[in-house]
Amino acid sequence: MVRRQAQLAARIDGRVKDAVEEYCRAKGLKINRFIETALLDRLEEIEDVEDLRRLRTEPTRPLKDILRDLKRDGLL
């Protein structure tokens, strides 16, 4: 699969830019890769929060019922 490259421009606080540049320089990282990874991490966090919200609305079962079923199925 060929991954296409695209350019993304954003205006950010100069102090944030300086901090990113300093961190990447100190760690020997490419700024582009650092930013891409940070964006992917944030998207994953958002997805996790959405999953958590959905999970909170799912019905739950009492622990005693879960343990009973696990024992019945030979898993406990």
C-alpha atoms as a PDB file:
ATOM      1  CA  MET A   1       0.000   0.000   0.000  1.00  0.00           C
ATOM      2  CA  VAL A   2       1.427   3.355  -1.025  1.00  0.00           C
ATOM      3  CA  ARG A   3       1.014   6.019   1.606  1.00  0.00           C
ATOM      4  CA  ARG A   4       0.644   9.475   0.194  1.00  0.00           C
ATOM      5  CA  GLN A   5       2.268  12.404   1.883  1.00  0.00           C
ATOM      6  CA  ALA A   6       0.395  15.626   2.551  1.00  0.00           C
ATOM      7  CA  GLN A   7       1.390  18.924   4.037  1.00  0.00           C
ATOM      8  CA  LEU A   8      -0.392  20.360   7.060  1.00  0.00           C
ATOM      9  CA  ALA A   9       0.025  23.963   8.130  1.00  0.00           C
ATOM     10  CA  ALA A  10      -1.098  25.379  11.440  1.00  0.00           C
ATOM     11  CA  ARG A  11      -0.411  28.493  13.438  1.00  0.00           C
ATOM     12  CA  ILE A  12       0.742  27.675  16.954  1.00  0.00           C
ATOM     13  CA  ASP A  13       2.233  29.579  19.859  1.00  0.00           C
ATOM     14  CA  GLY A  14       5.893  30.271  19.142  1.00  0.00           C
ATOM     15  CA  ARG A  15       6.852  28.932  22.564  1.00  0.00           C
ATOM     16  CA  VAL A  16       5.227  25.580  21.716  1.00  0.00           C
ATOM     17  CA  LYS A  17       7.140  25.454  18.436  1.00  0.00           C
ATOM     18  CA  ASP A  18      10.390  26.276  20.216  1.00  0.00           C
ATOM     19  CA  ALA A  19       9.746  23.580  22.823  1.00  0.00           C
ATOM     20  CA  VAL A  20       9.017  20.969  20.139  1.00  0.00           C
ATOM     21  CA  GLU A  21      12.140  21.907  18.203  1.00  0.00           C
ATOM     22  CA  GLU A  22      14.277  21.787  21.344  1.00  0.00           C
ATOM     23  CA  TYR A  23      12.851  18.418  22.414  1.00  0.00           C
ATOM     24  CA  CYS A  24      13.303  16.882  18.971  1.00  0.00           C
ATOM     25  CA  ARG A  25      16.840  18.204  18.699  1.00  0.00           C
ATOM     26  CA  ALA A  26      17.733  16.834  22.164  1.00  0.00           C
ATOM     27  CA  LYS A  27      16.215  13.416  21.388  1.00  0.00           C
ATOM     28  CA  GLY A  28      17.444  13.225  17.800  1.00  0.00           C
ATOM     29  CA  LEU A  29      13.914  13.091  16.404  1.00  0.00           C
ATOM     30  CA  LYS A  30      12.522  14.436  13.154  1.00  0.00           C
ATOM     31  CA  ILE A  31       9.926  17.128  13.850  1.00  0.00           C
ATOM     32  CA  ASN A  32       7.588  15.807  11.144  1.00  0.00           C
ATOM     33  CA  ARG A  33       7.573  12.324  12.685  1.00  0.00           C
ATOM     34  CA  PHE A  34       7.115  13.751  16.195  1.00  0.00           C
ATOM     35  CA  ILE A  35       4.088  15.787  15.114  1.00  0.00           C
ATOM     36  CA  GLU A  36       2.563  12.908  13.142  1.00  0.00           C
ATOM     37  CA  THR A  37       2.926  10.586  16.124  1.00  0.00           C
ATOM     38  CA  ALA A  38       1.431  13.196  18.459  1.00  0.00           C
ATOM     39  CA  LEU A  39      -1.576  13.631  16.162  1.00  0.00           C
ATOM     40  CA  LEU A  40      -2.107   9.874  15.891  1.00  0.00           C
ATOM     41  CA  ASP A  41      -1.854   9.523  19.681  1.00  0.00           C
ATOM     42  CA  ARG A  42      -4.462  12.238  20.154  1.00  0.00           C
ATOM     43  CA  LEU A  43      -6.836  10.644  17.638  1.00  0.00           C
ATOM     44  CA  GLU A  44      -6.462   7.338  19.479  1.00  0.00           C
ATOM     45  CA  GLU A  45      -7.218   9.037  22.807  1.00  0.00           C
ATOM     46  CA  ILE A  46     -10.382  10.565  21.335  1.00  0.00           C
ATOM     47  CA  GLU A  47     -11.450   7.155  20.050  1.00  0.00           C
ATOM     48  CA  ASP A  48     -10.777   5.624  23.485  1.00  0.00           C
ATOM     49  CA  VAL A  49     -12.928   8.287  25.174  1.00  0.00           C
ATOM     50  CA  GLU A  50     -15.755   7.589  22.732  1.00  0.00           C
ATOM     51  CA  ASP A  51     -15.425   3.856  23.463  1.00  0.00           C
ATOM     52  CA  LEU A  52     -15.515   4.583  27.188  1.00  0.00           C
ATOM     53  CA  ARG A  53     -18.670   6.666  26.852  1.00  0.00           C
ATOM     54  CA  ARG A  54     -20.331   3.831  24.936  1.00  0.00           C
ATOM     55  CA  LEU A  55     -19.189   1.250  27.472  1.00  0.00           C
ATOM     56  CA  ARG A  56     -20.632   3.278  30.332  1.00  0.00           C
ATOM     57  CA  THR A  57     -24.094   2.995  28.799  1.00  0.00           C
ATOM     58  CA  GLU A  58     -23.926  -0.771  28.275  1.00  0.00           C
ATOM     59  CA  PRO A  59     -25.837  -2.908  30.733  1.00  0.00           C
ATOM     60  CA  THR A  60     -23.756  -4.564  33.422  1.00  0.00           C
ATOM     61  CA  ARG A  61     -23.997  -7.931  35.129  1.00  0.00           C
ATOM     62  CA  PRO A  62     -23.401  -8.692  38.788  1.00  0.00           C
ATOM     63  CA  LEU A  63     -19.979 -10.174  39.521  1.00  0.00           C
ATOM     64  CA  LYS A  64     -21.550 -13.252  41.113  1.00  0.00           C
ATOM     65  CA  ASP A  65     -23.299 -14.038  37.813  1.00  0.00           C
ATOM     66  CA  ILE A  66     -20.069 -13.645  35.849  1.00  0.00           C
ATOM     67  CA  LEU A  67     -18.190 -15.891  38.270  1.00  0.00           C
ATOM     68  CA  ARG A  68     -20.969 -18.490  38.127  1.00  0.00           C
ATOM     69  CA  ASP A  69     -20.862 -18.526  34.318  1.00  0.00           C
ATOM     70  CA  LEU A  70     -17.064 -18.766  34.241  1.00  0.00           C
ATOM     71  CA  LYS A  71     -17.163 -21.727  36.640  1.00  0.00           C
ATOM     72  CA  ARG A  72     -19.922 -23.369  34.615  1.00  0.00           C
ATOM     73  CA  ASP A  73     -17.875 -23.004  31.416  1.00  0.00           C
ATOM     74  CA  GLY A  74     -14.739 -24.392  33.105  1.00  0.00           C
ATOM     75  CA  LEU A  75     -12.886 -21.132  32.724  1.00  0.00           C
ATOM     76  CA  LEU A  76     -12.470 -20.558  36.437  1.00  0.00           C
END
